[in-house]
Amino acid sequence: MADSNNSTAIAQNIFSNIWEGNMEKIKPLLELYIPLSDKAFAHPIMHENAHQCGNDPNKKGISEEMKERFTKQNDLFKYLWTHPKMISLRNSLDYKDKYGYTAMQRLRIEYQYYCDEMKSFIKEHICPDIEKVKCIEMEYPNRGFYTFENMEYFENK
């Protein structure tokens, strides 16, 4: 069995490279990654990745640096969310962020802001019915938090 300190360090190293979309560093680390070793993070790997990506790298008026980072972040999303080690974590009740959301719930929240290309990828490779899951923002004083309806569309995804 792997040392839990080492497993956590590997997960933390993956996490620290998400914003940059640094696939070169993440790919070898993911081979060492132990699923759920990041579940105690406020924002586990898949949740953070769902939050950081989805921007349109072809949007007018952005810098070349932003275009490159957005492309890398989106490519990393595609890699992580379809990786065999990560698929079982998508809708796991044991893999939630500090707000109590599963990775799929976090993805559903972020999905509304994604560019069309990323939305298409998600429908084709992750959850064809993601838009059937209703993401409902709560009223004051819990604004910014969400409830969900029709989560059965996440099952086995």
N, C-alpha and C. Protein backbone atom coordinates (compact mmCIF):
# COMPACT_ATOMS: atom_id res chain seq x y z
N MET A 1 0.84 -1.19 0.00
CA MET A 1 0.00 0.00 0.00
C MET A 1 0.88 1.25 0.00
N ALA A 2 0.44 2.24 -0.74
CA ALA A 2 1.23 3.47 -0.85
C ALA A 2 1.16 4.27 0.44
N ASP A 3 2.22 4.96 0.73
CA ASP A 3 2.29 5.85 1.89
C ASP A 3 1.31 7.00 1.66
N SER A 4 0.45 7.26 2.65
CA SER A 4 -0.58 8.29 2.46
C SER A 4 0.02 9.69 2.33
N ASN A 5 1.15 9.95 2.99
CA ASN A 5 1.81 11.25 2.83
C ASN A 5 2.29 11.43 1.40
N ASN A 6 2.85 10.36 0.82
CA ASN A 6 3.32 10.41 -0.56
C ASN A 6 2.13 10.55 -1.51
N SER A 7 1.04 9.83 -1.24
CA SER A 7 -0.15 9.93 -2.09
C SER A 7 -0.71 11.33 -2.07
N THR A 8 -0.75 11.93 -0.90
CA THR A 8 -1.24 13.30 -0.78
C THR A 8 -0.31 14.27 -1.50
N ALA A 9 0.98 14.04 -1.39
CA ALA A 9 1.95 14.92 -2.07
C ALA A 9 1.80 14.83 -3.59
N ILE A 10 1.57 13.63 -4.10
CA ILE A 10 1.35 13.46 -5.54
C ILE A 10 0.10 14.21 -5.97
N ALA A 11 -0.99 14.04 -5.21
CA ALA A 11 -2.24 14.73 -5.52
C ALA A 11 -2.04 16.25 -5.46
N GLN A 12 -1.31 16.72 -4.46
CA GLN A 12 -1.06 18.16 -4.33
C GLN A 12 -0.25 18.69 -5.51
N ASN A 13 0.70 17.90 -5.97
CA ASN A 13 1.52 18.30 -7.12
C ASN A 13 0.66 18.38 -8.38
N ILE A 14 -0.26 17.43 -8.55
CA ILE A 14 -1.19 17.50 -9.69
C ILE A 14 -2.01 18.77 -9.58
N PHE A 15 -2.58 18.98 -8.41
CA PHE A 15 -3.44 20.15 -8.16
C PHE A 15 -2.70 21.45 -8.49
N SER A 16 -1.45 21.55 -8.09
CA SER A 16 -0.70 22.79 -8.27
C SER A 16 -0.38 23.09 -9.74
N ASN A 17 -0.59 22.12 -10.61
CA ASN A 17 -0.33 22.32 -12.04
C ASN A 17 -1.60 22.47 -12.88
N ILE A 18 -2.76 22.48 -12.23
CA ILE A 18 -4.02 22.57 -12.96
C ILE A 18 -4.20 23.94 -13.62
N TRP A 19 -3.96 25.01 -12.89
CA TRP A 19 -4.19 26.35 -13.44
C TRP A 19 -3.38 26.57 -14.71
N GLU A 20 -2.15 26.12 -14.71
CA GLU A 20 -1.30 26.27 -15.89
C GLU A 20 -1.69 25.30 -17.00
N GLY A 21 -2.44 24.25 -16.65
CA GLY A 21 -2.77 23.22 -17.62
C GLY A 21 -1.53 22.43 -18.02
N ASN A 22 -0.64 22.21 -17.06
CA ASN A 22 0.65 21.62 -17.34
C ASN A 22 0.57 20.09 -17.46
N MET A 23 0.15 19.65 -18.62
CA MET A 23 -0.02 18.22 -18.89
C MET A 23 1.31 17.47 -18.80
N GLU A 24 2.39 18.11 -19.17
CA GLU A 24 3.70 17.46 -19.13
C GLU A 24 4.05 17.01 -17.71
N LYS A 25 3.72 17.82 -16.73
CA LYS A 25 3.98 17.45 -15.34
C LYS A 25 2.90 16.53 -14.78
N ILE A 26 1.66 16.73 -15.21
CA ILE A 26 0.54 15.99 -14.63
C ILE A 26 0.48 14.55 -15.12
N LYS A 27 0.74 14.29 -16.38
CA LYS A 27 0.61 12.92 -16.91
C LYS A 27 1.40 11.89 -16.10
N PRO A 28 2.69 12.09 -15.85
CA PRO A 28 3.40 11.06 -15.07
C PRO A 28 2.91 10.98 -13.62
N LEU A 29 2.47 12.09 -13.07
CA LEU A 29 1.95 12.09 -11.70
C LEU A 29 0.63 11.33 -11.62
N LEU A 30 -0.18 11.44 -12.66
CA LEU A 30 -1.47 10.76 -12.63
C LEU A 30 -1.30 9.24 -12.61
N GLU A 31 -0.22 8.77 -13.19
CA GLU A 31 0.04 7.32 -13.15
C GLU A 31 0.33 6.87 -11.71
N LEU A 32 0.82 7.77 -10.88
CA LEU A 32 1.12 7.47 -9.47
C LEU A 32 -0.04 7.83 -8.53
N TYR A 33 -0.98 8.59 -9.05
CA TYR A 33 -2.10 9.08 -8.26
C TYR A 33 -2.95 7.93 -7.71
N ILE A 34 -3.30 8.03 -6.45
CA ILE A 34 -4.20 7.08 -5.80
C ILE A 34 -5.57 7.75 -5.72
N PRO A 35 -6.60 7.19 -6.38
CA PRO A 35 -7.92 7.81 -6.31
C PRO A 35 -8.37 8.06 -4.87
N LEU A 36 -8.96 9.20 -4.68
CA LEU A 36 -9.46 9.72 -3.41
C LEU A 36 -8.37 10.28 -2.49
N SER A 37 -7.11 10.24 -2.90
CA SER A 37 -6.05 10.77 -2.05
C SER A 37 -6.15 12.29 -1.91
N ASP A 38 -6.98 12.91 -2.72
CA ASP A 38 -7.20 14.36 -2.66
C ASP A 38 -8.59 14.71 -2.12
N LYS A 39 -9.32 13.73 -1.63
CA LYS A 39 -10.70 14.00 -1.20
C LYS A 39 -10.78 14.95 -0.01
N ALA A 40 -9.72 15.08 0.75
CA ALA A 40 -9.73 16.01 1.89
C ALA A 40 -9.41 17.44 1.47
N PHE A 41 -9.00 17.64 0.22
CA PHE A 41 -8.71 18.99 -0.27
C PHE A 41 -10.02 19.78 -0.30
N ALA A 42 -9.95 21.06 -0.03
CA ALA A 42 -11.15 21.91 -0.14
C ALA A 42 -11.72 21.81 -1.56
N HIS A 43 -10.82 21.73 -2.52
CA HIS A 43 -11.19 21.59 -3.93
C HIS A 43 -10.39 20.43 -4.51
N PRO A 44 -10.95 19.22 -4.52
CA PRO A 44 -10.23 18.08 -5.11
C PRO A 44 -9.89 18.34 -6.58
N ILE A 45 -9.02 17.53 -7.10
CA ILE A 45 -8.47 17.73 -8.45
C ILE A 45 -9.54 17.93 -9.51
N MET A 46 -10.51 17.04 -9.58
CA MET A 46 -11.52 17.15 -10.64
C MET A 46 -12.39 18.39 -10.49
N HIS A 47 -12.70 18.74 -9.27
CA HIS A 47 -13.50 19.94 -9.02
C HIS A 47 -12.73 21.20 -9.46
N GLU A 48 -11.47 21.25 -9.07
CA GLU A 48 -10.65 22.41 -9.43
C GLU A 48 -10.46 22.49 -10.94
N ASN A 49 -10.24 21.34 -11.56
CA ASN A 49 -10.08 21.32 -13.01
C ASN A 49 -11.36 21.80 -13.70
N ALA A 50 -12.52 21.35 -13.24
CA ALA A 50 -13.79 21.80 -13.82
C ALA A 50 -13.95 23.30 -13.66
N HIS A 51 -13.48 23.83 -12.56
CA HIS A 51 -13.59 25.27 -12.31
C HIS A 51 -12.63 26.08 -13.18
N GLN A 52 -11.45 25.57 -13.43
CA GLN A 52 -10.42 26.33 -14.13
C GLN A 52 -10.53 26.31 -15.65
N CYS A 53 -11.31 25.40 -16.20
CA CYS A 53 -11.31 25.29 -17.67
C CYS A 53 -12.62 25.77 -18.26
N GLY A 54 -12.76 25.57 -19.55
CA GLY A 54 -13.98 25.92 -20.25
C GLY A 54 -13.95 27.24 -20.98
N ASN A 55 -12.87 28.00 -20.80
CA ASN A 55 -12.75 29.29 -21.49
C ASN A 55 -12.47 29.08 -22.97
N ASP A 56 -12.92 30.00 -23.78
CA ASP A 56 -12.73 29.92 -25.22
C ASP A 56 -11.37 30.49 -25.59
N PRO A 57 -10.44 29.65 -26.06
CA PRO A 57 -9.12 30.16 -26.44
C PRO A 57 -9.14 30.99 -27.71
N ASN A 58 -10.26 30.98 -28.43
CA ASN A 58 -10.37 31.75 -29.67
C ASN A 58 -11.17 33.04 -29.49
N LYS A 59 -11.45 33.37 -28.26
CA LYS A 59 -12.21 34.59 -27.96
C LYS A 59 -11.41 35.81 -28.42
N LYS A 60 -12.09 36.73 -29.02
CA LYS A 60 -11.44 37.96 -29.49
C LYS A 60 -11.00 38.80 -28.30
N GLY A 61 -9.86 39.43 -28.45
CA GLY A 61 -9.39 40.38 -27.46
C GLY A 61 -8.56 39.79 -26.33
N ILE A 62 -8.30 38.48 -26.37
CA ILE A 62 -7.46 37.92 -25.31
C ILE A 62 -6.01 37.84 -25.78
N SER A 63 -5.12 37.81 -24.84
CA SER A 63 -3.69 37.77 -25.16
C SER A 63 -3.29 36.37 -25.64
N GLU A 64 -2.14 36.31 -26.27
CA GLU A 64 -1.60 35.01 -26.70
C GLU A 64 -1.35 34.10 -25.49
N GLU A 65 -0.92 34.71 -24.40
CA GLU A 65 -0.68 33.95 -23.17
C GLU A 65 -1.98 33.32 -22.67
N MET A 66 -3.06 34.09 -22.68
CA MET A 66 -4.36 33.55 -22.25
C MET A 66 -4.84 32.47 -23.21
N LYS A 67 -4.67 32.69 -24.49
CA LYS A 67 -5.07 31.70 -25.49
C LYS A 67 -4.35 30.37 -25.24
N GLU A 68 -3.06 30.45 -25.00
CA GLU A 68 -2.27 29.24 -24.76
C GLU A 68 -2.72 28.55 -23.46
N ARG A 69 -2.92 29.33 -22.40
CA ARG A 69 -3.34 28.74 -21.12
C ARG A 69 -4.73 28.13 -21.23
N PHE A 70 -5.67 28.82 -21.87
CA PHE A 70 -7.02 28.28 -22.02
C PHE A 70 -7.00 26.98 -22.80
N THR A 71 -6.19 26.92 -23.85
CA THR A 71 -6.07 25.69 -24.65
C THR A 71 -5.53 24.56 -23.79
N LYS A 72 -4.47 24.84 -23.02
CA LYS A 72 -3.89 23.82 -22.16
C LYS A 72 -4.87 23.36 -21.07
N GLN A 73 -5.59 24.30 -20.47
CA GLN A 73 -6.56 23.94 -19.44
C GLN A 73 -7.66 23.06 -20.01
N ASN A 74 -8.14 23.37 -21.19
CA ASN A 74 -9.19 22.58 -21.82
C ASN A 74 -8.68 21.19 -22.21
N ASP A 75 -7.47 21.13 -22.72
CA ASP A 75 -6.87 19.83 -23.05
C ASP A 75 -6.68 18.99 -21.80
N LEU A 76 -6.27 19.62 -20.72
CA LEU A 76 -6.10 18.90 -19.46
C LEU A 76 -7.44 18.37 -18.95
N PHE A 77 -8.48 19.17 -19.06
CA PHE A 77 -9.81 18.71 -18.67
C PHE A 77 -10.16 17.43 -19.44
N LYS A 78 -9.99 17.45 -20.73
CA LYS A 78 -10.32 16.28 -21.56
C LYS A 78 -9.53 15.06 -21.11
N TYR A 79 -8.27 15.25 -20.81
CA TYR A 79 -7.42 14.16 -20.36
C TYR A 79 -7.87 13.62 -18.99
N LEU A 80 -8.04 14.52 -18.02
CA LEU A 80 -8.39 14.09 -16.67
C LEU A 80 -9.77 13.44 -16.60
N TRP A 81 -10.74 14.04 -17.21
CA TRP A 81 -12.12 13.58 -17.07
C TRP A 81 -12.40 12.30 -17.84
N THR A 82 -11.49 11.90 -18.73
CA THR A 82 -11.65 10.63 -19.44
C THR A 82 -10.61 9.60 -19.03
N HIS A 83 -9.75 9.96 -18.09
CA HIS A 83 -8.72 9.02 -17.62
C HIS A 83 -9.39 7.93 -16.77
N PRO A 84 -9.00 6.67 -16.98
CA PRO A 84 -9.63 5.57 -16.24
C PRO A 84 -9.61 5.73 -14.71
N LYS A 85 -8.58 6.33 -14.16
CA LYS A 85 -8.52 6.52 -12.71
C LYS A 85 -9.54 7.55 -12.22
N MET A 86 -9.94 8.45 -13.09
CA MET A 86 -10.79 9.55 -12.68
C MET A 86 -12.28 9.30 -12.96
N ILE A 87 -12.58 8.43 -13.89
CA ILE A 87 -13.98 8.21 -14.28
C ILE A 87 -14.83 7.81 -13.08
N SER A 88 -14.33 6.92 -12.24
CA SER A 88 -15.13 6.47 -11.09
C SER A 88 -15.34 7.57 -10.05
N LEU A 89 -14.56 8.63 -10.11
CA LEU A 89 -14.69 9.72 -9.15
C LEU A 89 -15.72 10.77 -9.57
N ARG A 90 -16.13 10.74 -10.80
CA ARG A 90 -17.02 11.77 -11.34
C ARG A 90 -18.25 12.00 -10.47
N ASN A 91 -18.91 10.92 -10.11
CA ASN A 91 -20.17 11.05 -9.38
C ASN A 91 -20.09 10.37 -8.01
N SER A 92 -18.89 10.19 -7.51
CA SER A 92 -18.68 9.52 -6.23
C SER A 92 -19.14 10.38 -5.06
N LEU A 93 -19.93 9.80 -4.19
CA LEU A 93 -20.37 10.50 -2.99
C LEU A 93 -19.24 10.61 -1.97
N ASP A 94 -18.15 9.89 -2.19
CA ASP A 94 -16.97 9.97 -1.32
C ASP A 94 -15.98 11.03 -1.80
N TYR A 95 -16.29 11.69 -2.88
CA TYR A 95 -15.36 12.64 -3.51
C TYR A 95 -16.09 13.97 -3.71
N LYS A 96 -16.17 14.73 -2.65
CA LYS A 96 -16.88 16.01 -2.68
C LYS A 96 -15.96 17.14 -2.28
N ASP A 97 -16.30 18.34 -2.74
CA ASP A 97 -15.53 19.52 -2.35
C ASP A 97 -16.06 20.09 -1.04
N LYS A 98 -15.49 21.19 -0.60
CA LYS A 98 -15.87 21.77 0.69
C LYS A 98 -17.32 22.25 0.72
N TYR A 99 -17.94 22.39 -0.44
CA TYR A 99 -19.33 22.81 -0.51
C TYR A 99 -20.29 21.61 -0.54
N GLY A 100 -19.72 20.41 -0.57
CA GLY A 100 -20.54 19.20 -0.59
C GLY A 100 -20.94 18.75 -1.98
N TYR A 101 -20.31 19.30 -3.03
CA TYR A 101 -20.64 18.94 -4.40
C TYR A 101 -19.76 17.79 -4.88
N THR A 102 -20.38 16.85 -5.61
CA THR A 102 -19.60 15.84 -6.31
C THR A 102 -18.90 16.53 -7.49
N ALA A 103 -17.99 15.83 -8.14
CA ALA A 103 -17.30 16.41 -9.29
C ALA A 103 -18.30 16.73 -10.41
N MET A 104 -19.29 15.86 -10.63
CA MET A 104 -20.30 16.12 -11.66
C MET A 104 -21.16 17.33 -11.31
N GLN A 105 -21.48 17.49 -10.05
CA GLN A 105 -22.25 18.67 -9.66
C GLN A 105 -21.43 19.94 -9.88
N ARG A 106 -20.15 19.90 -9.52
CA ARG A 106 -19.28 21.05 -9.78
C ARG A 106 -19.20 21.32 -11.27
N LEU A 107 -19.07 20.26 -12.06
CA LEU A 107 -19.03 20.43 -13.51
C LEU A 107 -20.32 21.07 -14.02
N ARG A 108 -21.44 20.63 -13.48
CA ARG A 108 -22.72 21.19 -13.93
C ARG A 108 -22.82 22.69 -13.61
N ILE A 109 -22.32 23.08 -12.46
CA ILE A 109 -22.32 24.50 -12.09
C ILE A 109 -21.46 25.29 -13.08
N GLU A 110 -20.29 24.81 -13.37
CA GLU A 110 -19.34 25.52 -14.24
C GLU A 110 -19.75 25.46 -15.71
N TYR A 111 -20.42 24.39 -16.10
CA TYR A 111 -20.79 24.13 -17.50
C TYR A 111 -21.47 25.32 -18.16
N GLN A 112 -22.29 26.02 -17.44
CA GLN A 112 -23.04 27.14 -18.01
C GLN A 112 -22.12 28.24 -18.55
N TYR A 113 -20.88 28.27 -18.10
CA TYR A 113 -19.92 29.30 -18.52
C TYR A 113 -18.95 28.79 -19.59
N TYR A 114 -19.02 27.53 -19.93
CA TYR A 114 -18.06 26.94 -20.87
C TYR A 114 -18.31 27.38 -22.31
N CYS A 115 -17.25 27.36 -23.08
CA CYS A 115 -17.36 27.64 -24.51
C CYS A 115 -18.05 26.45 -25.20
N ASP A 116 -18.55 26.70 -26.39
CA ASP A 116 -19.30 25.68 -27.12
C ASP A 116 -18.50 24.41 -27.37
N GLU A 117 -17.22 24.56 -27.68
CA GLU A 117 -16.39 23.39 -27.97
C GLU A 117 -16.30 22.47 -26.76
N MET A 118 -16.15 23.05 -25.58
CA MET A 118 -16.06 22.25 -24.36
C MET A 118 -17.42 21.63 -24.01
N LYS A 119 -18.49 22.36 -24.22
CA LYS A 119 -19.82 21.81 -23.99
C LYS A 119 -20.05 20.58 -24.88
N SER A 120 -19.64 20.68 -26.12
CA SER A 120 -19.77 19.55 -27.04
C SER A 120 -18.96 18.34 -26.56
N PHE A 121 -17.74 18.60 -26.11
CA PHE A 121 -16.90 17.51 -25.61
C PHE A 121 -17.59 16.81 -24.43
N ILE A 122 -18.12 17.60 -23.51
CA ILE A 122 -18.77 17.03 -22.33
C ILE A 122 -19.97 16.18 -22.73
N LYS A 123 -20.77 16.66 -23.65
CA LYS A 123 -21.93 15.89 -24.10
C LYS A 123 -21.52 14.60 -24.80
N GLU A 124 -20.44 14.65 -25.54
CA GLU A 124 -19.99 13.47 -26.30
C GLU A 124 -19.25 12.45 -25.45
N HIS A 125 -18.51 12.91 -24.43
CA HIS A 125 -17.60 12.01 -23.73
C HIS A 125 -17.87 11.83 -22.24
N ILE A 126 -18.69 12.68 -21.66
CA ILE A 126 -18.88 12.61 -20.21
C ILE A 126 -20.34 12.40 -19.83
N CYS A 127 -21.21 13.27 -20.28
CA CYS A 127 -22.62 13.19 -19.89
C CYS A 127 -23.48 13.81 -20.99
N PRO A 128 -24.04 12.98 -21.87
CA PRO A 128 -24.82 13.52 -22.98
C PRO A 128 -26.04 14.33 -22.52
N ASP A 129 -26.54 14.05 -21.33
CA ASP A 129 -27.74 14.70 -20.84
C ASP A 129 -27.46 15.74 -19.76
N ILE A 130 -26.26 16.29 -19.74
CA ILE A 130 -25.89 17.21 -18.66
C ILE A 130 -26.85 18.39 -18.55
N GLU A 131 -27.38 18.85 -19.66
CA GLU A 131 -28.29 20.00 -19.62
C GLU A 131 -29.65 19.65 -19.02
N LYS A 132 -29.97 18.36 -18.91
CA LYS A 132 -31.23 17.94 -18.29
C LYS A 132 -31.14 18.01 -16.76
N VAL A 133 -29.92 18.08 -16.25
CA VAL A 133 -29.75 18.25 -14.81
C VAL A 133 -29.90 19.74 -14.53
N LYS A 134 -30.90 20.06 -13.75
CA LYS A 134 -31.15 21.47 -13.44
C LYS A 134 -30.23 21.91 -12.31
N CYS A 135 -29.58 23.02 -12.53
CA CYS A 135 -28.68 23.64 -11.56
C CYS A 135 -29.38 24.90 -11.09
N ILE A 136 -29.85 24.87 -9.85
CA ILE A 136 -30.69 25.95 -9.34
C ILE A 136 -29.94 26.72 -8.26
N GLU A 137 -29.69 27.99 -8.54
CA GLU A 137 -29.03 28.83 -7.55
C GLU A 137 -30.00 29.13 -6.42
N MET A 138 -29.50 29.02 -5.21
CA MET A 138 -30.33 29.27 -4.04
C MET A 138 -30.54 30.77 -3.85
N GLU A 139 -31.55 31.08 -3.11
CA GLU A 139 -31.89 32.47 -2.82
C GLU A 139 -31.05 32.98 -1.65
N TYR A 140 -31.10 34.27 -1.44
CA TYR A 140 -30.44 34.89 -0.29
C TYR A 140 -30.93 34.21 0.97
N PRO A 141 -30.15 33.88 1.95
CA PRO A 141 -28.75 34.26 2.17
C PRO A 141 -27.75 33.24 1.62
N ASN A 142 -28.22 32.24 0.89
CA ASN A 142 -27.33 31.19 0.38
C ASN A 142 -27.00 31.37 -1.10
N ARG A 143 -27.13 32.58 -1.59
CA ARG A 143 -26.81 32.85 -2.98
C ARG A 143 -25.39 32.41 -3.28
N GLY A 144 -25.20 31.85 -4.47
CA GLY A 144 -23.89 31.33 -4.83
C GLY A 144 -23.77 29.84 -4.55
N PHE A 145 -24.77 29.27 -3.90
CA PHE A 145 -24.84 27.83 -3.66
C PHE A 145 -25.97 27.27 -4.51
N TYR A 146 -25.89 25.99 -4.82
CA TYR A 146 -26.83 25.41 -5.77
C TYR A 146 -27.47 24.14 -5.23
N THR A 147 -28.66 23.88 -5.74
CA THR A 147 -29.31 22.59 -5.59
C THR A 147 -29.49 22.04 -6.99
N PHE A 148 -29.79 20.77 -7.08
CA PHE A 148 -29.87 20.11 -8.38
C PHE A 148 -31.13 19.28 -8.48
N GLU A 149 -31.68 19.22 -9.67
CA GLU A 149 -32.81 18.34 -9.97
C GLU A 149 -32.43 17.47 -11.16
N ASN A 150 -32.98 16.29 -11.21
CA ASN A 150 -32.76 15.33 -12.29
C ASN A 150 -31.34 14.77 -12.30
N MET A 151 -30.79 14.57 -11.12
CA MET A 151 -29.42 14.06 -11.04
C MET A 151 -29.28 12.63 -11.53
N GLU A 152 -30.39 11.96 -11.80
CA GLU A 152 -30.31 10.60 -12.32
C GLU A 152 -29.57 10.59 -13.68
N TYR A 153 -29.51 11.73 -14.33
CA TYR A 153 -28.78 11.81 -15.60
C TYR A 153 -27.26 11.72 -15.38
N PHE A 154 -26.81 11.88 -14.16
CA PHE A 154 -25.39 11.71 -13.83
C PHE A 154 -25.04 10.24 -13.56
N GLU A 155 -26.01 9.42 -13.27
CA GLU A 155 -25.74 8.03 -12.89
C GLU A 155 -24.92 7.32 -13.95
N ASN A 156 -23.93 6.58 -13.47
CA ASN A 156 -23.06 5.76 -14.33
C ASN A 156 -22.39 6.57 -15.42
N LYS A 157 -22.14 7.81 -15.16
CA LYS A 157 -21.47 8.66 -16.15
C LYS A 157 -20.03 8.85 -15.75
